[in-house]
Amino acid sequence: MNSTAKFVTGFLLGSTLGLGAGLLWAPSTGRQTRKKLEKKSKKLAKKMAGLMGKEEKFQGAAGRRRAGKTQVEI
């Protein structure tokens, strides 16, 4: 295993262990923590969907630009 792979493996393992320890010693109950995680994951999913929409819109505008159209609406 090369040094980059060792670093990535160590980083992921350390992150996972840190997350687990943080959840175990969290000041909130399990139910509260799960609710918070659910809310944040839904918020993140909406944000990512919005970013993907913008990216698709940008790709379409870039294609029109390459096709010779001078005005691009974003």
PDB file of N, CA and C in Angstrom:
ATOM      1  N   MET A   1       0.851  -1.176   0.000  1.00  0.00           N
ATOM      2  CA  MET A   1       0.000   0.000   0.000  1.00  0.00           C
ATOM      3  C   MET A   1       0.894   1.234   0.000  1.00  0.00           C
ATOM      4  N   ASN A   2       0.643   2.170  -0.927  1.00  0.00           N
ATOM      5  CA  ASN A   2       1.482   3.368  -0.984  1.00  0.00           C
ATOM      6  C   ASN A   2       1.081   4.366   0.096  1.00  0.00           C
ATOM      7  N   SER A   3       1.857   5.421   0.225  1.00  0.00           N
ATOM      8  CA  SER A   3       1.635   6.375   1.322  1.00  0.00           C
ATOM      9  C   SER A   3       0.304   7.123   1.187  1.00  0.00           C
ATOM     10  N   THR A   4      -0.125   7.402  -0.029  1.00  0.00           N
ATOM     11  CA  THR A   4      -1.398   8.096  -0.219  1.00  0.00           C
ATOM     12  C   THR A   4      -2.559   7.228   0.242  1.00  0.00           C
ATOM     13  N   ALA A   5      -2.528   5.972  -0.127  1.00  0.00           N
ATOM     14  CA  ALA A   5      -3.591   5.046   0.275  1.00  0.00           C
ATOM     15  C   ALA A   5      -3.607   4.878   1.792  1.00  0.00           C
ATOM     16  N   LYS A   6      -2.428   4.837   2.401  1.00  0.00           N
ATOM     17  CA  LYS A   6      -2.348   4.723   3.863  1.00  0.00           C
ATOM     18  C   LYS A   6      -2.944   5.966   4.524  1.00  0.00           C
ATOM     19  N   PHE A   7      -2.632   7.116   3.969  1.00  0.00           N
ATOM     20  CA  PHE A   7      -3.159   8.357   4.534  1.00  0.00           C
ATOM     21  C   PHE A   7      -4.679   8.392   4.436  1.00  0.00           C
ATOM     22  N   VAL A   8      -5.219   8.083   3.265  1.00  0.00           N
ATOM     23  CA  VAL A   8      -6.669   8.115   3.058  1.00  0.00           C
ATOM     24  C   VAL A   8      -7.354   7.106   3.979  1.00  0.00           C
ATOM     25  N   THR A   9      -6.789   5.914   4.088  1.00  0.00           N
ATOM     26  CA  THR A   9      -7.356   4.890   4.969  1.00  0.00           C
ATOM     27  C   THR A   9      -7.346   5.363   6.417  1.00  0.00           C
ATOM     28  N   GLY A  10      -6.241   5.919   6.852  1.00  0.00           N
ATOM     29  CA  GLY A  10      -6.144   6.438   8.221  1.00  0.00           C
ATOM     30  C   GLY A  10      -7.101   7.581   8.473  1.00  0.00           C
ATOM     31  N   PHE A  11      -7.229   8.460   7.486  1.00  0.00           N
ATOM     32  CA  PHE A  11      -8.138   9.593   7.625  1.00  0.00           C
ATOM     33  C   PHE A  11      -9.583   9.121   7.755  1.00  0.00           C
ATOM     34  N   LEU A  12      -9.986   8.205   6.885  1.00  0.00           N
ATOM     35  CA  LEU A  12     -11.362   7.696   6.931  1.00  0.00           C
ATOM     36  C   LEU A  12     -11.632   6.936   8.226  1.00  0.00           C
ATOM     37  N   LEU A  13     -10.680   6.133   8.653  1.00  0.00           N
ATOM     38  CA  LEU A  13     -10.845   5.389   9.903  1.00  0.00           C
ATOM     39  C   LEU A  13     -10.939   6.344  11.092  1.00  0.00           C
ATOM     40  N   GLY A  14     -10.065   7.322  11.136  1.00  0.00           N
ATOM     41  CA  GLY A  14     -10.092   8.305  12.215  1.00  0.00           C
ATOM     42  C   GLY A  14     -11.371   9.119  12.231  1.00  0.00           C
ATOM     43  N   SER A  15     -11.843   9.499  11.042  1.00  0.00           N
ATOM     44  CA  SER A  15     -13.097  10.251  10.950  1.00  0.00           C
ATOM     45  C   SER A  15     -14.270   9.425  11.445  1.00  0.00           C
ATOM     46  N   THR A  16     -14.299   8.162  11.055  1.00  0.00           N
ATOM     47  CA  THR A  16     -15.379   7.273  11.476  1.00  0.00           C
ATOM     48  C   THR A  16     -15.364   7.077  12.988  1.00  0.00           C
ATOM     49  N   LEU A  17     -14.194   6.833  13.544  1.00  0.00           N
ATOM     50  CA  LEU A  17     -14.089   6.653  14.995  1.00  0.00           C
ATOM     51  C   LEU A  17     -14.456   7.937  15.741  1.00  0.00           C
ATOM     52  N   GLY A  18     -14.038   9.068  15.218  1.00  0.00           N
ATOM     53  CA  GLY A  18     -14.374  10.347  15.844  1.00  0.00           C
ATOM     54  C   GLY A  18     -15.865  10.625  15.811  1.00  0.00           C
ATOM     55  N   LEU A  19     -16.490  10.315  14.685  1.00  0.00           N
ATOM     56  CA  LEU A  19     -17.931  10.493  14.572  1.00  0.00           C
ATOM     57  C   LEU A  19     -18.662   9.594  15.555  1.00  0.00           C
ATOM     58  N   GLY A  20     -18.232   8.346  15.636  1.00  0.00           N
ATOM     59  CA  GLY A  20     -18.854   7.405  16.573  1.00  0.00           C
ATOM     60  C   GLY A  20     -18.712   7.859  18.013  1.00  0.00           C
ATOM     61  N   ALA A  21     -17.531   8.309  18.382  1.00  0.00           N
ATOM     62  CA  ALA A  21     -17.306   8.788  19.746  1.00  0.00           C
ATOM     63  C   ALA A  21     -18.145  10.027  20.034  1.00  0.00           C
ATOM     64  N   GLY A  22     -18.232  10.909  19.053  1.00  0.00           N
ATOM     65  CA  GLY A  22     -19.038  12.117  19.226  1.00  0.00           C
ATOM     66  C   GLY A  22     -20.509  11.803  19.429  1.00  0.00           C
ATOM     67  N   LEU A  23     -20.997  10.819  18.699  1.00  0.00           N
ATOM     68  CA  LEU A  23     -22.400  10.439  18.855  1.00  0.00           C
ATOM     69  C   LEU A  23     -22.647   9.758  20.199  1.00  0.00           C
ATOM     70  N   LEU A  24     -21.676   8.987  20.647  1.00  0.00           N
ATOM     71  CA  LEU A  24     -21.847   8.298  21.932  1.00  0.00           C
ATOM     72  C   LEU A  24     -21.870   9.272  23.109  1.00  0.00           C
ATOM     73  N   TRP A  25     -21.043  10.290  23.048  1.00  0.00           N
ATOM     74  CA  TRP A  25     -20.950  11.229  24.162  1.00  0.00           C
ATOM     75  C   TRP A  25     -21.694  12.532  23.889  1.00  0.00           C
ATOM     76  N   ALA A  26     -22.612  12.516  22.954  1.00  0.00           N
ATOM     77  CA  ALA A  26     -23.366  13.725  22.602  1.00  0.00           C
ATOM     78  C   ALA A  26     -24.309  14.112  23.743  1.00  0.00           C
ATOM     79  N   PRO A  27     -24.543  15.398  23.919  1.00  0.00           N
ATOM     80  CA  PRO A  27     -25.429  15.850  24.993  1.00  0.00           C
ATOM     81  C   PRO A  27     -26.909  15.584  24.707  1.00  0.00           C
ATOM     82  N   SER A  28     -27.256  15.263  23.480  1.00  0.00           N
ATOM     83  CA  SER A  28     -28.652  15.003  23.122  1.00  0.00           C
ATOM     84  C   SER A  28     -28.961  13.513  23.237  1.00  0.00           C
ATOM     85  N   THR A  29     -30.245  13.206  23.352  1.00  0.00           N
ATOM     86  CA  THR A  29     -30.647  11.798  23.361  1.00  0.00           C
ATOM     87  C   THR A  29     -30.543  11.251  21.943  1.00  0.00           C
ATOM     88  N   GLY A  30     -30.627   9.951  21.824  1.00  0.00           N
ATOM     89  CA  GLY A  30     -30.567   9.319  20.513  1.00  0.00           C
ATOM     90  C   GLY A  30     -31.671   9.796  19.595  1.00  0.00           C
ATOM     91  N   ARG A  31     -32.864   9.915  20.128  1.00  0.00           N
ATOM     92  CA  ARG A  31     -34.009  10.365  19.326  1.00  0.00           C
ATOM     93  C   ARG A  31     -33.775  11.784  18.810  1.00  0.00           C
ATOM     94  N   GLN A  32     -33.296  12.668  19.691  1.00  0.00           N
ATOM     95  CA  GLN A  32     -33.036  14.052  19.281  1.00  0.00           C
ATOM     96  C   GLN A  32     -31.926  14.106  18.230  1.00  0.00           C
ATOM     97  N   THR A  33     -30.895  13.310  18.433  1.00  0.00           N
ATOM     98  CA  THR A  33     -29.783  13.285  17.492  1.00  0.00           C
ATOM     99  C   THR A  33     -30.247  12.788  16.127  1.00  0.00           C
ATOM    100  N   ARG A  34     -31.056  11.737  16.111  1.00  0.00           N
ATOM    101  CA  ARG A  34     -31.564  11.210  14.843  1.00  0.00           C
ATOM    102  C   ARG A  34     -32.433  12.248  14.134  1.00  0.00           C
ATOM    103  N   LYS A  35     -33.256  12.981  14.898  1.00  0.00           N
ATOM    104  CA  LYS A  35     -34.090  14.029  14.298  1.00  0.00           C
ATOM    105  C   LYS A  35     -33.226  15.123  13.675  1.00  0.00           C
ATOM    106  N   LYS A  36     -32.199  15.532  14.408  1.00  0.00           N
ATOM    107  CA  LYS A  36     -31.292  16.558  13.891  1.00  0.00           C
ATOM    108  C   LYS A  36     -30.607  16.077  12.619  1.00  0.00           C
ATOM    109  N   LEU A  37     -30.122  14.832  12.639  1.00  0.00           N
ATOM    110  CA  LEU A  37     -29.451  14.278  11.462  1.00  0.00           C
ATOM    111  C   LEU A  37     -30.411  14.189  10.280  1.00  0.00           C
ATOM    112  N   GLU A  38     -31.648  13.802  10.543  1.00  0.00           N
ATOM    113  CA  GLU A  38     -32.639  13.706   9.477  1.00  0.00           C
ATOM    114  C   GLU A  38     -32.909  15.075   8.867  1.00  0.00           C
ATOM    115  N   LYS A  39     -33.097  16.092   9.736  1.00  0.00           N
ATOM    116  CA  LYS A  39     -33.354  17.449   9.254  1.00  0.00           C
ATOM    117  C   LYS A  39     -32.195  17.957   8.403  1.00  0.00           C
ATOM    118  N   LYS A  40     -30.994  17.768   8.927  1.00  0.00           N
ATOM    119  CA  LYS A  40     -29.815  18.270   8.215  1.00  0.00           C
ATOM    120  C   LYS A  40     -29.600  17.526   6.907  1.00  0.00           C
ATOM    121  N   SER A  41     -29.866  16.226   6.882  1.00  0.00           N
ATOM    122  CA  SER A  41     -29.673  15.476   5.636  1.00  0.00           C
ATOM    123  C   SER A  41     -30.704  15.885   4.592  1.00  0.00           C
ATOM    124  N   LYS A  42     -31.939  16.153   5.019  1.00  0.00           N
ATOM    125  CA  LYS A  42     -32.952  16.619   4.071  1.00  0.00           C
ATOM    126  C   LYS A  42     -32.588  17.997   3.522  1.00  0.00           C
ATOM    127  N   LYS A  43     -32.085  18.864   4.406  1.00  0.00           N
ATOM    128  CA  LYS A  43     -31.673  20.199   3.992  1.00  0.00           C
ATOM    129  C   LYS A  43     -30.514  20.110   2.986  1.00  0.00           C
ATOM    130  N   LEU A  44     -29.563  19.228   3.271  1.00  0.00           N
ATOM    131  CA  LEU A  44     -28.423  19.034   2.380  1.00  0.00           C
ATOM    132  C   LEU A  44     -28.881  18.468   1.034  1.00  0.00           C
ATOM    133  N   ALA A  45     -29.822  17.532   1.055  1.00  0.00           N
ATOM    134  CA  ALA A  45     -30.334  16.945  -0.187  1.00  0.00           C
ATOM    135  C   ALA A  45     -31.001  18.022  -1.047  1.00  0.00           C
ATOM    136  N   LYS A  46     -31.783  18.911  -0.420  1.00  0.00           N
ATOM    137  CA  LYS A  46     -32.429  19.997  -1.165  1.00  0.00           C
ATOM    138  C   LYS A  46     -31.383  20.937  -1.763  1.00  0.00           C
ATOM    139  N   LYS A  47     -30.366  21.236  -0.960  1.00  0.00           N
ATOM    140  CA  LYS A  47     -29.314  22.130  -1.425  1.00  0.00           C
ATOM    141  C   LYS A  47     -28.567  21.509  -2.609  1.00  0.00           C
ATOM    142  N   MET A  48     -28.264  20.222  -2.516  1.00  0.00           N
ATOM    143  CA  MET A  48     -27.562  19.538  -3.598  1.00  0.00           C
ATOM    144  C   MET A  48     -28.424  19.493  -4.858  1.00  0.00           C
ATOM    145  N   ALA A  49     -29.723  19.261  -4.695  1.00  0.00           N
ATOM    146  CA  ALA A  49     -30.626  19.246  -5.845  1.00  0.00           C
ATOM    147  C   ALA A  49     -30.632  20.609  -6.526  1.00  0.00           C
ATOM    148  N   GLY A  50     -30.624  21.667  -5.730  1.00  0.00           N
ATOM    149  CA  GLY A  50     -30.572  23.018  -6.283  1.00  0.00           C
ATOM    150  C   GLY A  50     -29.279  23.279  -7.029  1.00  0.00           C
ATOM    151  N   LEU A  51     -28.176  22.807  -6.455  1.00  0.00           N
ATOM    152  CA  LEU A  51     -26.886  22.989  -7.113  1.00  0.00           C
ATOM    153  C   LEU A  51     -26.822  22.193  -8.410  1.00  0.00           C
ATOM    154  N   MET A  52     -27.391  20.998  -8.414  1.00  0.00           N
ATOM    155  CA  MET A  52     -27.398  20.188  -9.629  1.00  0.00           C
ATOM    156  C   MET A  52     -28.222  20.871 -10.717  1.00  0.00           C
ATOM    157  N   GLY A  53     -29.334  21.481 -10.311  1.00  0.00           N
ATOM    158  CA  GLY A  53     -30.148  22.216 -11.278  1.00  0.00           C
ATOM    159  C   GLY A  53     -29.378  23.379 -11.883  1.00  0.00           C
ATOM    160  N   LYS A  54     -28.631  24.084 -11.048  1.00  0.00           N
ATOM    161  CA  LYS A  54     -27.825  25.202 -11.541  1.00  0.00           C
ATOM    162  C   LYS A  54     -26.733  24.701 -12.474  1.00  0.00           C
ATOM    163  N   GLU A  55     -26.131  23.563 -12.123  1.00  0.00           N
ATOM    164  CA  GLU A  55     -25.061  23.001 -12.939  1.00  0.00           C
ATOM    165  C   GLU A  55     -25.609  22.601 -14.304  1.00  0.00           C
ATOM    166  N   GLU A  56     -26.794  21.976 -14.329  1.00  0.00           N
ATOM    167  CA  GLU A  56     -27.399  21.574 -15.599  1.00  0.00           C
ATOM    168  C   GLU A  56     -27.744  22.807 -16.436  1.00  0.00           C
ATOM    169  N   LYS A  57     -28.241  23.848 -15.773  1.00  0.00           N
ATOM    170  CA  LYS A  57     -28.576  25.084 -16.473  1.00  0.00           C
ATOM    171  C   LYS A  57     -27.313  25.709 -17.065  1.00  0.00           C
ATOM    172  N   PHE A  58     -26.223  25.680 -16.308  1.00  0.00           N
ATOM    173  CA  PHE A  58     -24.952  26.222 -16.775  1.00  0.00           C
ATOM    174  C   PHE A  58     -24.424  25.419 -17.959  1.00  0.00           C
ATOM    175  N   GLN A  59     -24.525  24.093 -17.882  1.00  0.00           N
ATOM    176  CA  GLN A  59     -24.055  23.249 -18.985  1.00  0.00           C
ATOM    177  C   GLN A  59     -24.841  23.552 -20.259  1.00  0.00           C
ATOM    178  N   GLY A  60     -26.159  23.736 -20.125  1.00  0.00           N
ATOM    179  CA  GLY A  60     -26.981  24.076 -21.287  1.00  0.00           C
ATOM    180  C   GLY A  60     -26.594  25.417 -21.877  1.00  0.00           C
ATOM    181  N   ALA A  61     -26.333  26.393 -21.001  1.00  0.00           N
ATOM    182  CA  ALA A  61     -25.937  27.721 -21.458  1.00  0.00           C
ATOM    183  C   ALA A  61     -24.579  27.663 -22.154  1.00  0.00           C
ATOM    184  N   ALA A  62     -23.666  26.867 -21.614  1.00  0.00           N
ATOM    185  CA  ALA A  62     -22.344  26.733 -22.223  1.00  0.00           C
ATOM    186  C   ALA A  62     -22.461  26.081 -23.593  1.00  0.00           C
ATOM    187  N   GLY A  63     -23.360  25.112 -23.727  1.00  0.00           N
ATOM    188  CA  GLY A  63     -23.566  24.468 -25.025  1.00  0.00           C
ATOM    189  C   GLY A  63     -24.129  25.431 -26.049  1.00  0.00           C
ATOM    190  N   ARG A  64     -25.078  26.257 -25.618  1.00  0.00           N
ATOM    191  CA  ARG A  64     -25.640  27.258 -26.533  1.00  0.00           C
ATOM    192  C   ARG A  64     -24.571  28.262 -26.938  1.00  0.00           C
ATOM    193  N   ARG A  65     -23.721  28.611 -25.999  1.00  0.00           N
ATOM    194  CA  ARG A  65     -22.647  29.566 -26.271  1.00  0.00           C
ATOM    195  C   ARG A  65     -21.696  29.000 -27.323  1.00  0.00           C
ATOM    196  N   ARG A  66     -21.354  27.712 -27.184  1.00  0.00           N
ATOM    197  CA  ARG A  66     -20.460  27.070 -28.139  1.00  0.00           C
ATOM    198  C   ARG A  66     -21.121  26.941 -29.503  1.00  0.00           C
ATOM    199  N   ALA A  67     -22.453  26.891 -29.521  1.00  0.00           N
ATOM    200  CA  ALA A  67     -23.173  26.740 -30.785  1.00  0.00           C
ATOM    201  C   ALA A  67     -23.232  28.052 -31.570  1.00  0.00           C
ATOM    202  N   GLY A  68     -22.725  29.126 -30.999  1.00  0.00           N
ATOM    203  CA  GLY A  68     -22.661  30.384 -31.725  1.00  0.00           C
ATOM    204  C   GLY A  68     -23.634  31.429 -31.250  1.00  0.00           C
ATOM    205  N   LYS A  69     -24.452  31.132 -30.286  1.00  0.00           N
ATOM    206  CA  LYS A  69     -25.370  32.128 -29.749  1.00  0.00           C
ATOM    207  C   LYS A  69     -24.576  33.033 -28.820  1.00  0.00           C
ATOM    208  N   THR A  70     -24.764  34.342 -28.952  1.00  0.00           N
ATOM    209  CA  THR A  70     -23.935  35.256 -28.185  1.00  0.00           C
ATOM    210  C   THR A  70     -24.492  35.565 -26.808  1.00  0.00           C
ATOM    211  N   GLN A  71     -25.815  35.592 -26.654  1.00  0.00           N
ATOM    212  CA  GLN A  71     -26.404  35.886 -25.335  1.00  0.00           C
ATOM    213  C   GLN A  71     -26.716  34.584 -24.614  1.00  0.00           C
ATOM    214  N   VAL A  72     -26.291  34.531 -23.379  1.00  0.00           N
ATOM    215  CA  VAL A  72     -26.536  33.336 -22.574  1.00  0.00           C
ATOM    216  C   VAL A  72     -27.270  33.761 -21.318  1.00  0.00           C
ATOM    217  N   GLU A  73     -28.420  33.160 -21.062  1.00  0.00           N
ATOM    218  CA  GLU A  73     -29.184  33.435 -19.845  1.00  0.00           C
ATOM    219  C   GLU A  73     -28.869  32.386 -18.818  1.00  0.00           C
ATOM    220  N   ILE A  74     -28.534  32.835 -17.638  1.00  0.00           N
ATOM    221  CA  ILE A  74     -28.255  31.893 -16.540  1.00  0.00           C
ATOM    222  C   ILE A  74     -29.191  32.176 -15.409  1.00  0.00           C
TER     223      ILE A  74
END
